[in-house]
Amino acid sequence: MIELQRASAFDRQRIEEFQRAAYARTEAIVGARAIPLEWDYGQVLEECEVWLDESGGSLRGVLILRIRQDDVFLESIATAPEASGSGRARLLMDATFERARELRLNRVGLITNSLNPALAWYKRMGFMVDLEEVQPKRSVIHMSMPVPDA
């Protein structure tokens, strides 16, 4: 399991820059602005748990979780472009499930763009499509899955 550190308001600029770089490839594929790049990160830091994956003084991943009454909502799971294919996202997803178990919540939800290549990965992880919401310029896929046993 990777060691994650909880972000603070002092990390805001670094998180925003990281998210822009991490989502650039997805935006190019999808042809639309990535939802996490539309956010006010001051508000995100107040309302969500933001976890940083750092290695060797470098930010390798950002995990943003919204803790709700019945589930953990995965707002964003992002890895550094150079970490693509390294298994880093899987480690961040495992950390999401671990956090849900700590909170005694048995479900994780998320949304993604229907054109996002990560959609197939989410399905391989066990996420099921709950709803497809057609919006102007995008189709948002709502997904969820039970938290696997440790």
Foldseek 3Di string as FASTA:
>chain_A
DADKDWDAPVCQVVVLVQVCQQCVVQCVQLVDDFPVNPDDVVVQSVQWTWIFGDDPNHTFWIWTWGDDPAEIEGEDTTGHPVCPPVCVSVVSVLVRLVVCVVVVHFKYKYKDWPRGPCVVVCVVVPWDFPDWDDDVSTIMTIIMDTRDDD
